Amino acid sequence: MSGTGAQAEEQALRFLLDHGLKLKARNYRCRMGEIDLILLDGNTLVFVEVRMRRSPAFGGAAESITHSKRARVLAAARHYLAGKQPTPACRFDALLIEADGAPLWIKDAFGE
């Protein structure tokens, strides 16, 4: 991961921890994809995609979550959940960091 990506992830993690979530895993990887952060929000497992854009020239952070990126995150989440019984309640959030550095937290960003 690039230095900027690692910094964005660290900023996102601090932001979410400050909002009461608890870290379960960072950079969960499997052959299907990767999940930046996995946290607990109460009893809900939250899979978080962190996106940062320094410039809006090629679209903002939200536009960078493409259909194929979303599919890889969903596949990785299914892999992560495969060994969990019973399957916990879960949601997919996005933490977007734009050029001004202010994080935007979108809960249930994937509608899954």
PDB file of N, CA and C in Angstrom:
ATOM      1  N   MET A   1       0.842  -1.165   0.000  1.00  0.00           N
ATOM      2  CA  MET A   1       0.000   0.000   0.000  1.00  0.00           C
ATOM      3  C   MET A   1       0.889   1.230   0.000  1.00  0.00           C
ATOM      4  N   SER A   2       0.489   2.236  -0.760  1.00  0.00           N
ATOM      5  CA  SER A   2       1.263   3.471  -0.816  1.00  0.00           C
ATOM      6  C   SER A   2       1.202   4.190   0.517  1.00  0.00           C
ATOM      7  N   GLY A   3       2.167   5.078   0.723  1.00  0.00           N
ATOM      8  CA  GLY A   3       2.188   5.866   1.946  1.00  0.00           C
ATOM      9  C   GLY A   3       0.905   6.657   2.127  1.00  0.00           C
ATOM     10  N   THR A   4       0.422   7.238   1.043  1.00  0.00           N
ATOM     11  CA  THR A   4      -0.814   8.014   1.112  1.00  0.00           C
ATOM     12  C   THR A   4      -1.991   7.126   1.463  1.00  0.00           C
ATOM     13  N   GLY A   5      -2.053   5.941   0.873  1.00  0.00           N
ATOM     14  CA  GLY A   5      -3.133   5.006   1.180  1.00  0.00           C
ATOM     15  C   GLY A   5      -3.103   4.569   2.633  1.00  0.00           C
ATOM     16  N   ALA A   6      -1.903   4.298   3.130  1.00  0.00           N
ATOM     17  CA  ALA A   6      -1.756   3.901   4.534  1.00  0.00           C
ATOM     18  C   ALA A   6      -2.157   5.041   5.461  1.00  0.00           C
ATOM     19  N   GLN A   7      -1.799   6.261   5.098  1.00  0.00           N
ATOM     20  CA  GLN A   7      -2.182   7.422   5.902  1.00  0.00           C
ATOM     21  C   GLN A   7      -3.698   7.609   5.904  1.00  0.00           C
ATOM     22  N   ALA A   8      -4.325   7.430   4.755  1.00  0.00           N
ATOM     23  CA  ALA A   8      -5.781   7.563   4.666  1.00  0.00           C
ATOM     24  C   ALA A   8      -6.461   6.498   5.513  1.00  0.00           C
ATOM     25  N   GLU A   9      -5.951   5.274   5.457  1.00  0.00           N
ATOM     26  CA  GLU A   9      -6.516   4.199   6.270  1.00  0.00           C
ATOM     27  C   GLU A   9      -6.360   4.481   7.759  1.00  0.00           C
ATOM     28  N   GLU A  10      -5.200   4.990   8.134  1.00  0.00           N
ATOM     29  CA  GLU A  10      -4.964   5.324   9.535  1.00  0.00           C
ATOM     30  C   GLU A  10      -5.900   6.441   9.989  1.00  0.00           C
ATOM     31  N   GLN A  11      -6.080   7.449   9.159  1.00  0.00           N
ATOM     32  CA  GLN A  11      -7.003   8.543   9.468  1.00  0.00           C
ATOM     33  C   GLN A  11      -8.429   8.016   9.601  1.00  0.00           C
ATOM     34  N   ALA A  12      -8.825   7.143   8.696  1.00  0.00           N
ATOM     35  CA  ALA A  12     -10.169   6.563   8.740  1.00  0.00           C
ATOM     36  C   ALA A  12     -10.360   5.736  10.002  1.00  0.00           C
ATOM     37  N   LEU A  13      -9.356   4.932  10.345  1.00  0.00           N
ATOM     38  CA  LEU A  13      -9.450   4.103  11.537  1.00  0.00           C
ATOM     39  C   LEU A  13      -9.609   4.964  12.788  1.00  0.00           C
ATOM     40  N   ARG A  14      -8.780   5.996  12.924  1.00  0.00           N
ATOM     41  CA  ARG A  14      -8.890   6.889  14.086  1.00  0.00           C
ATOM     42  C   ARG A  14     -10.285   7.513  14.163  1.00  0.00           C
ATOM     43  N   PHE A  15     -10.789   7.952  13.020  1.00  0.00           N
ATOM     44  CA  PHE A  15     -12.115   8.559  12.952  1.00  0.00           C
ATOM     45  C   PHE A  15     -13.190   7.587  13.443  1.00  0.00           C
ATOM     46  N   LEU A  16     -13.148   6.363  12.958  1.00  0.00           N
ATOM     47  CA  LEU A  16     -14.159   5.371  13.325  1.00  0.00           C
ATOM     48  C   LEU A  16     -14.030   4.939  14.781  1.00  0.00           C
ATOM     49  N   LEU A  17     -12.798   4.779  15.260  1.00  0.00           N
ATOM     50  CA  LEU A  17     -12.601   4.445  16.674  1.00  0.00           C
ATOM     51  C   LEU A  17     -13.124   5.568  17.566  1.00  0.00           C
ATOM     52  N   ASP A  18     -12.909   6.815  17.147  1.00  0.00           N
ATOM     53  CA  ASP A  18     -13.426   7.963  17.899  1.00  0.00           C
ATOM     54  C   ASP A  18     -14.950   7.981  17.944  1.00  0.00           C
ATOM     55  N   HIS A  19     -15.577   7.314  16.979  1.00  0.00           N
ATOM     56  CA  HIS A  19     -17.039   7.221  16.932  1.00  0.00           C
ATOM     57  C   HIS A  19     -17.565   5.945  17.587  1.00  0.00           C
ATOM     58  N   GLY A  20     -16.693   5.254  18.326  1.00  0.00           N
ATOM     59  CA  GLY A  20     -17.128   4.129  19.141  1.00  0.00           C
ATOM     60  C   GLY A  20     -17.033   2.751  18.524  1.00  0.00           C
ATOM     61  N   LEU A  21     -16.566   2.634  17.285  1.00  0.00           N
ATOM     62  CA  LEU A  21     -16.419   1.315  16.687  1.00  0.00           C
ATOM     63  C   LEU A  21     -15.171   0.642  17.260  1.00  0.00           C
ATOM     64  N   LYS A  22     -15.121  -0.682  17.160  1.00  0.00           N
ATOM     65  CA  LYS A  22     -13.995  -1.449  17.672  1.00  0.00           C
ATOM     66  C   LYS A  22     -13.369  -2.247  16.534  1.00  0.00           C
ATOM     67  N   LEU A  23     -12.050  -2.157  16.428  1.00  0.00           N
ATOM     68  CA  LEU A  23     -11.325  -2.802  15.335  1.00  0.00           C
ATOM     69  C   LEU A  23     -11.296  -4.321  15.499  1.00  0.00           C
ATOM     70  N   LYS A  24     -11.623  -5.038  14.418  1.00  0.00           N
ATOM     71  CA  LYS A  24     -11.501  -6.500  14.359  1.00  0.00           C
ATOM     72  C   LYS A  24     -10.325  -6.907  13.466  1.00  0.00           C
ATOM     73  N   ALA A  25     -10.163  -6.231  12.316  1.00  0.00           N
ATOM     74  CA  ALA A  25      -9.089  -6.599  11.384  1.00  0.00           C
ATOM     75  C   ALA A  25      -8.787  -5.435  10.448  1.00  0.00           C
ATOM     76  N   ARG A  26      -7.529  -5.415   9.994  1.00  0.00           N
ATOM     77  CA  ARG A  26      -7.091  -4.439   8.990  1.00  0.00           C
ATOM     78  C   ARG A  26      -6.586  -5.188   7.785  1.00  0.00           C
ATOM     79  N   ASN A  27      -6.876  -4.666   6.613  1.00  0.00           N
ATOM     80  CA  ASN A  27      -6.365  -5.223   5.361  1.00  0.00           C
ATOM     81  C   ASN A  27      -6.578  -6.730   5.252  1.00  0.00           C
ATOM     82  N   TYR A  28      -7.808  -7.159   5.455  1.00  0.00           N
ATOM     83  CA  TYR A  28      -8.140  -8.577   5.309  1.00  0.00           C
ATOM     84  C   TYR A  28      -8.054  -8.926   3.824  1.00  0.00           C
ATOM     85  N   ARG A  29      -7.230  -9.913   3.514  1.00  0.00           N
ATOM     86  CA  ARG A  29      -7.020 -10.301   2.113  1.00  0.00           C
ATOM     87  C   ARG A  29      -7.344 -11.773   1.904  1.00  0.00           C
ATOM     88  N   CYS A  30      -7.922 -12.031   0.764  1.00  0.00           N
ATOM     89  CA  CYS A  30      -8.094 -13.399   0.281  1.00  0.00           C
ATOM     90  C   CYS A  30      -7.948 -13.326  -1.232  1.00  0.00           C
ATOM     91  N   ARG A  31      -8.051 -14.446  -1.901  1.00  0.00           N
ATOM     92  CA  ARG A  31      -7.824 -14.422  -3.353  1.00  0.00           C
ATOM     93  C   ARG A  31      -8.892 -13.633  -4.105  1.00  0.00           C
ATOM     94  N   MET A  32     -10.060 -13.414  -3.478  1.00  0.00           N
ATOM     95  CA  MET A  32     -11.146 -12.696  -4.144  1.00  0.00           C
ATOM     96  C   MET A  32     -11.030 -11.180  -4.032  1.00  0.00           C
ATOM     97  N   GLY A  33     -10.331 -10.697  -2.997  1.00  0.00           N
ATOM     98  CA  GLY A  33     -10.243  -9.255  -2.824  1.00  0.00           C
ATOM     99  C   GLY A  33      -9.697  -8.882  -1.462  1.00  0.00           C
ATOM    100  N   GLU A  34      -9.887  -7.615  -1.104  1.00  0.00           N
ATOM    101  CA  GLU A  34      -9.371  -7.083   0.150  1.00  0.00           C
ATOM    102  C   GLU A  34     -10.404  -6.174   0.789  1.00  0.00           C
ATOM    103  N   ILE A  35     -10.420  -6.184   2.114  1.00  0.00           N
ATOM    104  CA  ILE A  35     -11.257  -5.281   2.888  1.00  0.00           C
ATOM    105  C   ILE A  35     -10.319  -4.421   3.717  1.00  0.00           C
ATOM    106  N   ASP A  36     -10.442  -3.114   3.588  1.00  0.00           N
ATOM    107  CA  ASP A  36      -9.529  -2.207   4.281  1.00  0.00           C
ATOM    108  C   ASP A  36      -9.632  -2.349   5.791  1.00  0.00           C
ATOM    109  N   LEU A  37     -10.848  -2.228   6.317  1.00  0.00           N
ATOM    110  CA  LEU A  37     -11.059  -2.282   7.763  1.00  0.00           C
ATOM    111  C   LEU A  37     -12.296  -3.105   8.072  1.00  0.00           C
ATOM    112  N   ILE A  38     -12.219  -3.882   9.140  1.00  0.00           N
ATOM    113  CA  ILE A  38     -13.382  -4.611   9.652  1.00  0.00           C
ATOM    114  C   ILE A  38     -13.509  -4.205  11.115  1.00  0.00           C
ATOM    115  N   LEU A  39     -14.681  -3.673  11.457  1.00  0.00           N
ATOM    116  CA  LEU A  39     -14.905  -3.173  12.807  1.00  0.00           C
ATOM    117  C   LEU A  39     -16.235  -3.669  13.337  1.00  0.00           C
ATOM    118  N   LEU A  40     -16.434  -3.485  14.628  1.00  0.00           N
ATOM    119  CA  LEU A  40     -17.720  -3.765  15.257  1.00  0.00           C
ATOM    120  C   LEU A  40     -18.373  -2.453  15.646  1.00  0.00           C
ATOM    121  N   ASP A  41     -19.633  -2.301  15.273  1.00  0.00           N
ATOM    122  CA  ASP A  41     -20.466  -1.172  15.690  1.00  0.00           C
ATOM    123  C   ASP A  41     -21.593  -1.791  16.505  1.00  0.00           C
ATOM    124  N   GLY A  42     -21.404  -1.863  17.825  1.00  0.00           N
ATOM    125  CA  GLY A  42     -22.326  -2.626  18.663  1.00  0.00           C
ATOM    126  C   GLY A  42     -22.169  -4.090  18.325  1.00  0.00           C
ATOM    127  N   ASN A  43     -23.261  -4.737  17.893  1.00  0.00           N
ATOM    128  CA  ASN A  43     -23.217  -6.140  17.481  1.00  0.00           C
ATOM    129  C   ASN A  43     -23.113  -6.312  15.970  1.00  0.00           C
ATOM    130  N   THR A  44     -22.966  -5.211  15.249  1.00  0.00           N
ATOM    131  CA  THR A  44     -22.922  -5.256  13.787  1.00  0.00           C
ATOM    132  C   THR A  44     -21.482  -5.240  13.300  1.00  0.00           C
ATOM    133  N   LEU A  45     -21.153  -6.196  12.448  1.00  0.00           N
ATOM    134  CA  LEU A  45     -19.844  -6.255  11.817  1.00  0.00           C
ATOM    135  C   LEU A  45     -19.857  -5.282  10.644  1.00  0.00           C
ATOM    136  N   VAL A  46     -18.873  -4.395  10.589  1.00  0.00           N
ATOM    137  CA  VAL A  46     -18.841  -3.356   9.561  1.00  0.00           C
ATOM    138  C   VAL A  46     -17.598  -3.532   8.696  1.00  0.00           C
ATOM    139  N   PHE A  47     -17.819  -3.728   7.403  1.00  0.00           N
ATOM    140  CA  PHE A  47     -16.739  -3.809   6.422  1.00  0.00           C
ATOM    141  C   PHE A  47     -16.595  -2.408   5.828  1.00  0.00           C
ATOM    142  N   VAL A  48     -15.394  -1.847   5.919  1.00  0.00           N
ATOM    143  CA  VAL A  48     -15.194  -0.456   5.511  1.00  0.00           C
ATOM    144  C   VAL A  48     -14.221  -0.363   4.343  1.00  0.00           C
ATOM    145  N   GLU A  49     -14.669   0.316   3.300  1.00  0.00           N
ATOM    146  CA  GLU A  49     -13.811   0.654   2.164  1.00  0.00           C
ATOM    147  C   GLU A  49     -13.357   2.094   2.363  1.00  0.00           C
ATOM    148  N   VAL A  50     -12.048   2.312   2.398  1.00  0.00           N
ATOM    149  CA  VAL A  50     -11.487   3.647   2.575  1.00  0.00           C
ATOM    150  C   VAL A  50     -11.014   4.154   1.216  1.00  0.00           C
ATOM    151  N   ARG A  51     -11.461   5.332   0.848  1.00  0.00           N
ATOM    152  CA  ARG A  51     -11.061   5.915  -0.432  1.00  0.00           C
ATOM    153  C   ARG A  51     -10.631   7.350  -0.209  1.00  0.00           C
ATOM    154  N   MET A  52      -9.541   7.715  -0.859  1.00  0.00           N
ATOM    155  CA  MET A  52      -9.025   9.079  -0.759  1.00  0.00           C
ATOM    156  C   MET A  52      -8.746   9.609  -2.154  1.00  0.00           C
ATOM    157  N   ARG A  53      -9.063  10.869  -2.343  1.00  0.00           N
ATOM    158  CA  ARG A  53      -8.746  11.560  -3.590  1.00  0.00           C
ATOM    159  C   ARG A  53      -8.152  12.913  -3.239  1.00  0.00           C
ATOM    160  N   ARG A  54      -6.974  13.176  -3.770  1.00  0.00           N
ATOM    161  CA  ARG A  54      -6.337  14.477  -3.529  1.00  0.00           C
ATOM    162  C   ARG A  54      -6.901  15.550  -4.443  1.00  0.00           C
ATOM    163  N   SER A  55      -7.408  15.118  -5.573  1.00  0.00           N
ATOM    164  CA  SER A  55      -7.915  16.074  -6.559  1.00  0.00           C
ATOM    165  C   SER A  55      -9.209  15.537  -7.143  1.00  0.00           C
ATOM    166  N   PRO A  56     -10.185  16.396  -7.388  1.00  0.00           N
ATOM    167  CA  PRO A  56     -11.434  15.949  -8.010  1.00  0.00           C
ATOM    168  C   PRO A  56     -11.332  15.808  -9.532  1.00  0.00           C
ATOM    169  N   ALA A  57     -10.130  15.964 -10.093  1.00  0.00           N
ATOM    170  CA  ALA A  57      -9.933  15.946 -11.543  1.00  0.00           C
ATOM    171  C   ALA A  57     -10.456  14.664 -12.194  1.00  0.00           C
ATOM    172  N   PHE A  58     -10.350  13.543 -11.496  1.00  0.00           N
ATOM    173  CA  PHE A  58     -10.807  12.273 -12.063  1.00  0.00           C
ATOM    174  C   PHE A  58     -12.008  11.731 -11.309  1.00  0.00           C
ATOM    175  N   GLY A  59     -12.782  12.609 -10.714  1.00  0.00           N
ATOM    176  CA  GLY A  59     -13.927  12.199  -9.910  1.00  0.00           C
ATOM    177  C   GLY A  59     -13.534  12.170  -8.449  1.00  0.00           C
ATOM    178  N   GLY A  60     -14.501  12.192  -7.594  1.00  0.00           N
ATOM    179  CA  GLY A  60     -14.246  12.187  -6.162  1.00  0.00           C
ATOM    180  C   GLY A  60     -14.002  10.789  -5.634  1.00  0.00           C
ATOM    181  N   ALA A  61     -13.829  10.720  -4.326  1.00  0.00           N
ATOM    182  CA  ALA A  61     -13.557   9.440  -3.677  1.00  0.00           C
ATOM    183  C   ALA A  61     -14.705   8.458  -3.874  1.00  0.00           C
ATOM    184  N   ALA A  62     -15.944   8.937  -3.811  1.00  0.00           N
ATOM    185  CA  ALA A  62     -17.097   8.043  -3.971  1.00  0.00           C
ATOM    186  C   ALA A  62     -17.123   7.416  -5.363  1.00  0.00           C
ATOM    187  N   GLU A  63     -16.801   8.199  -6.379  1.00  0.00           N
ATOM    188  CA  GLU A  63     -16.803   7.677  -7.755  1.00  0.00           C
ATOM    189  C   GLU A  63     -15.719   6.635  -7.983  1.00  0.00           C
ATOM    190  N   SER A  64     -14.727   6.594  -7.097  1.00  0.00           N
ATOM    191  CA  SER A  64     -13.639   5.624  -7.269  1.00  0.00           C
ATOM    192  C   SER A  64     -14.028   4.219  -6.801  1.00  0.00           C
ATOM    193  N   ILE A  65     -15.192   4.092  -6.181  1.00  0.00           N
ATOM    194  CA  ILE A  65     -15.665   2.755  -5.790  1.00  0.00           C
ATOM    195  C   ILE A  65     -16.485   2.209  -6.961  1.00  0.00           C
ATOM    196  N   THR A  66     -15.795   1.534  -7.836  1.00  0.00           N
ATOM    197  CA  THR A  66     -16.416   1.016  -9.054  1.00  0.00           C
ATOM    198  C   THR A  66     -17.219  -0.253  -8.770  1.00  0.00           C
ATOM    199  N   HIS A  67     -17.980  -0.673  -9.754  1.00  0.00           N
ATOM    200  CA  HIS A  67     -18.746  -1.918  -9.638  1.00  0.00           C
ATOM    201  C   HIS A  67     -17.821  -3.096  -9.368  1.00  0.00           C
ATOM    202  N   SER A  68     -16.688  -3.166 -10.061  1.00  0.00           N
ATOM    203  CA  SER A  68     -15.773  -4.299  -9.861  1.00  0.00           C
ATOM    204  C   SER A  68     -15.119  -4.233  -8.484  1.00  0.00           C
ATOM    205  N   LYS A  69     -14.802  -3.037  -7.990  1.00  0.00           N
ATOM    206  CA  LYS A  69     -14.233  -2.905  -6.644  1.00  0.00           C
ATOM    207  C   LYS A  69     -15.247  -3.375  -5.617  1.00  0.00           C
ATOM    208  N   ARG A  70     -16.481  -2.949  -5.775  1.00  0.00           N
ATOM    209  CA  ARG A  70     -17.548  -3.365  -4.863  1.00  0.00           C
ATOM    210  C   ARG A  70     -17.699  -4.889  -4.868  1.00  0.00           C
ATOM    211  N   ALA A  71     -17.664  -5.500  -6.042  1.00  0.00           N
ATOM    212  CA  ALA A  71     -17.799  -6.955  -6.156  1.00  0.00           C
ATOM    213  C   ALA A  71     -16.655  -7.670  -5.428  1.00  0.00           C
ATOM    214  N   ARG A  72     -15.442  -7.137  -5.522  1.00  0.00           N
ATOM    215  CA  ARG A  72     -14.297  -7.752  -4.827  1.00  0.00           C
ATOM    216  C   ARG A  72     -14.440  -7.634  -3.313  1.00  0.00           C
ATOM    217  N   VAL A  73     -14.916  -6.483  -2.843  1.00  0.00           N
ATOM    218  CA  VAL A  73     -15.122  -6.301  -1.399  1.00  0.00           C
ATOM    219  C   VAL A  73     -16.207  -7.264  -0.903  1.00  0.00           C
ATOM    220  N   LEU A  74     -17.300  -7.388  -1.637  1.00  0.00           N
ATOM    221  CA  LEU A  74     -18.380  -8.304  -1.255  1.00  0.00           C
ATOM    222  C   LEU A  74     -17.883  -9.753  -1.218  1.00  0.00           C
ATOM    223  N   ALA A  75     -17.086 -10.144  -2.207  1.00  0.00           N
ATOM    224  CA  ALA A  75     -16.556 -11.512  -2.241  1.00  0.00           C
ATOM    225  C   ALA A  75     -15.618 -11.760  -1.057  1.00  0.00           C
ATOM    226  N   ALA A  76     -14.774 -10.786  -0.740  1.00  0.00           N
ATOM    227  CA  ALA A  76     -13.867 -10.933   0.399  1.00  0.00           C
ATOM    228  C   ALA A  76     -14.656 -11.011   1.705  1.00  0.00           C
ATOM    229  N   ALA A  77     -15.727 -10.247   1.812  1.00  0.00           N
ATOM    230  CA  ALA A  77     -16.566 -10.293   3.017  1.00  0.00           C
ATOM    231  C   ALA A  77     -17.225 -11.663   3.158  1.00  0.00           C
ATOM    232  N   ARG A  78     -17.692 -12.219   2.059  1.00  0.00           N
ATOM    233  CA  ARG A  78     -18.290 -13.567   2.112  1.00  0.00           C
ATOM    234  C   ARG A  78     -17.253 -14.579   2.589  1.00  0.00           C
ATOM    235  N   HIS A  79     -16.036 -14.436   2.107  1.00  0.00           N
ATOM    236  CA  HIS A  79     -14.958 -15.323   2.528  1.00  0.00           C
ATOM    237  C   HIS A  79     -14.701 -15.170   4.022  1.00  0.00           C
ATOM    238  N   TYR A  80     -14.636 -13.933   4.505  1.00  0.00           N
ATOM    239  CA  TYR A  80     -14.409 -13.664   5.924  1.00  0.00           C
ATOM    240  C   TYR A  80     -15.523 -14.264   6.781  1.00  0.00           C
ATOM    241  N   LEU A  81     -16.757 -14.149   6.309  1.00  0.00           N
ATOM    242  CA  LEU A  81     -17.918 -14.624   7.070  1.00  0.00           C
ATOM    243  C   LEU A  81     -18.104 -16.141   7.007  1.00  0.00           C
ATOM    244  N   ALA A  82     -17.434 -16.809   6.067  1.00  0.00           N
ATOM    245  CA  ALA A  82     -17.657 -18.241   5.857  1.00  0.00           C
ATOM    246  C   ALA A  82     -17.460 -19.060   7.124  1.00  0.00           C
ATOM    247  N   GLY A  83     -16.533 -18.682   7.956  1.00  0.00           N
ATOM    248  CA  GLY A  83     -16.273 -19.459   9.168  1.00  0.00           C
ATOM    249  C   GLY A  83     -17.011 -18.962  10.399  1.00  0.00           C
ATOM    250  N   LYS A  84     -17.850 -17.991  10.244  1.00  0.00           N
ATOM    251  CA  LYS A  84     -18.543 -17.396  11.389  1.00  0.00           C
ATOM    252  C   LYS A  84     -19.951 -17.982  11.535  1.00  0.00           C
ATOM    253  N   GLN A  85     -20.188 -18.624  12.659  1.00  0.00           N
ATOM    254  CA  GLN A  85     -21.513 -19.188  12.935  1.00  0.00           C
ATOM    255  C   GLN A  85     -21.953 -18.754  14.323  1.00  0.00           C
ATOM    256  N   PRO A  86     -23.115 -18.200  14.472  1.00  0.00           N
ATOM    257  CA  PRO A  86     -24.010 -17.786  13.390  1.00  0.00           C
ATOM    258  C   PRO A  86     -23.450 -16.558  12.678  1.00  0.00           C
ATOM    259  N   THR A  87     -23.912 -16.334  11.470  1.00  0.00           N
ATOM    260  CA  THR A  87     -23.459 -15.176  10.714  1.00  0.00           C
ATOM    261  C   THR A  87     -23.956 -13.908  11.406  1.00  0.00           C
ATOM    262  N   PRO A  88     -23.033 -13.005  11.741  1.00  0.00           N
ATOM    263  CA  PRO A  88     -23.441 -11.782  12.435  1.00  0.00           C
ATOM    264  C   PRO A  88     -24.137 -10.805  11.484  1.00  0.00           C
ATOM    265  N   ALA A  89     -24.890  -9.882  12.073  1.00  0.00           N
ATOM    266  CA  ALA A  89     -25.427  -8.782  11.275  1.00  0.00           C
ATOM    267  C   ALA A  89     -24.233  -8.009  10.732  1.00  0.00           C
ATOM    268  N   CYS A  90     -24.312  -7.551   9.497  1.00  0.00           N
ATOM    269  CA  CYS A  90     -23.191  -6.810   8.939  1.00  0.00           C
ATOM    270  C   CYS A  90     -23.675  -5.747   7.971  1.00  0.00           C
ATOM    271  N   ARG A  91     -22.776  -4.806   7.695  1.00  0.00           N
ATOM    272  CA  ARG A  91     -23.063  -3.765   6.699  1.00  0.00           C
ATOM    273  C   ARG A  91     -21.743  -3.341   6.061  1.00  0.00           C
ATOM    274  N   PHE A  92     -21.867  -2.634   4.951  1.00  0.00           N
ATOM    275  CA  PHE A  92     -20.719  -2.156   4.196  1.00  0.00           C
ATOM    276  C   PHE A  92     -20.738  -0.636   4.209  1.00  0.00           C
ATOM    277  N   ASP A  93     -19.708  -0.043   4.807  1.00  0.00           N
ATOM    278  CA  ASP A  93     -19.592   1.406   4.882  1.00  0.00           C
ATOM    279  C   ASP A  93     -18.448   1.871   3.993  1.00  0.00           C
ATOM    280  N   ALA A  94     -18.491   3.144   3.643  1.00  0.00           N
ATOM    281  CA  ALA A  94     -17.383   3.779   2.937  1.00  0.00           C
ATOM    282  C   ALA A  94     -16.939   4.974   3.763  1.00  0.00           C
ATOM    283  N   LEU A  95     -15.642   5.145   3.862  1.00  0.00           N
ATOM    284  CA  LEU A  95     -15.086   6.320   4.524  1.00  0.00           C
ATOM    285  C   LEU A  95     -14.311   7.054   3.440  1.00  0.00           C
ATOM    286  N   LEU A  96     -14.821   8.186   3.032  1.00  0.00           N
ATOM    287  CA  LEU A  96     -14.264   8.943   1.918  1.00  0.00           C
ATOM    288  C   LEU A  96     -13.477  10.131   2.449  1.00  0.00           C
ATOM    289  N   ILE A  97     -12.276  10.300   1.952  1.00  0.00           N
ATOM    290  CA  ILE A  97     -11.441  11.421   2.354  1.00  0.00           C
ATOM    291  C   ILE A  97     -11.116  12.205   1.082  1.00  0.00           C
ATOM    292  N   GLU A  98     -11.641  13.402   1.015  1.00  0.00           N
ATOM    293  CA  GLU A  98     -11.440  14.260  -0.160  1.00  0.00           C
ATOM    294  C   GLU A  98     -10.205  15.132   0.036  1.00  0.00           C
ATOM    295  N   ALA A  99      -9.923  15.978  -0.924  1.00  0.00           N
ATOM    296  CA  ALA A  99      -8.722  16.811  -0.927  1.00  0.00           C
ATOM    297  C   ALA A  99      -8.587  17.677   0.319  1.00  0.00           C
ATOM    298  N   ASP A 100      -9.705  18.122   0.880  1.00  0.00           N
ATOM    299  CA  ASP A 100      -9.631  18.986   2.065  1.00  0.00           C
ATOM    300  C   ASP A 100      -9.342  18.205   3.343  1.00  0.00           C
ATOM    301  N   GLY A 101      -9.317  16.864   3.256  1.00  0.00           N
ATOM    302  CA  GLY A 101      -8.971  16.026   4.398  1.00  0.00           C
ATOM    303  C   GLY A 101     -10.114  15.689   5.322  1.00  0.00           C
ATOM    304  N   ALA A 102     -11.269  16.261   5.091  1.00  0.00           N
ATOM    305  CA  ALA A 102     -12.413  15.980   5.956  1.00  0.00           C
ATOM    306  C   ALA A 102     -13.033  14.636   5.574  1.00  0.00           C
ATOM    307  N   PRO A 103     -13.151  13.713   6.537  1.00  0.00           N
ATOM    308  CA  PRO A 103     -13.748  12.405   6.218  1.00  0.00           C
ATOM    309  C   PRO A 103     -15.264  12.485   6.106  1.00  0.00           C
ATOM    310  N   LEU A 104     -15.791  11.721   5.180  1.00  0.00           N
ATOM    311  CA  LEU A 104     -17.231  11.574   5.015  1.00  0.00           C
ATOM    312  C   LEU A 104     -17.544  10.099   5.207  1.00  0.00           C
ATOM    313  N   TRP A 105     -18.337   9.793   6.216  1.00  0.00           N
ATOM    314  CA  TRP A 105     -18.679   8.414   6.557  1.00  0.00           C
ATOM    315  C   TRP A 105     -20.045   8.100   5.976  1.00  0.00           C
ATOM    316  N   ILE A 106     -20.085   7.146   5.067  1.00  0.00           N
ATOM    317  CA  ILE A 106     -21.350   6.717   4.471  1.00  0.00           C
ATOM    318  C   ILE A 106     -21.655   5.319   4.987  1.00  0.00           C
ATOM    319  N   LYS A 107     -22.659   5.243   5.844  1.00  0.00           N
ATOM    320  CA  LYS A 107     -23.074   3.944   6.393  1.00  0.00           C
ATOM    321  C   LYS A 107     -23.932   3.240   5.354  1.00  0.00           C
ATOM    322  N   ASP A 108     -23.788   1.917   5.313  1.00  0.00           N
ATOM    323  CA  ASP A 108     -24.552   1.081   4.383  1.00  0.00           C
ATOM    324  C   ASP A 108     -24.382   1.576   2.941  1.00  0.00           C
ATOM    325  N   ALA A 109     -23.152   1.863   2.574  1.00  0.00           N
ATOM    326  CA  ALA A 109     -22.837   2.447   1.285  1.00  0.00           C
ATOM    327  C   ALA A 109     -23.161   1.543   0.103  1.00  0.00           C
ATOM    328  N   PHE A 110     -23.130   0.223   0.321  1.00  0.00           N
ATOM    329  CA  PHE A 110     -23.351  -0.702  -0.780  1.00  0.00           C
ATOM    330  C   PHE A 110     -24.809  -1.134  -0.878  1.00  0.00           C
ATOM    331  N   GLY A 111     -25.610  -0.821   0.129  1.00  0.00           N
ATOM    332  CA  GLY A 111     -27.005  -1.239   0.116  1.00  0.00           C
ATOM    333  C   GLY A 111     -27.177  -2.741   0.198  1.00  0.00           C
ATOM    334  N   GLU A 112     -26.196  -3.426   0.753  1.00  0.00           N
ATOM    335  CA  GLU A 112     -26.254  -4.893   0.868  1.00  0.00           C
ATOM    336  C   GLU A 112     -26.693  -5.286   2.260  1.00  0.00           C
TER     337      GLU A 112
END
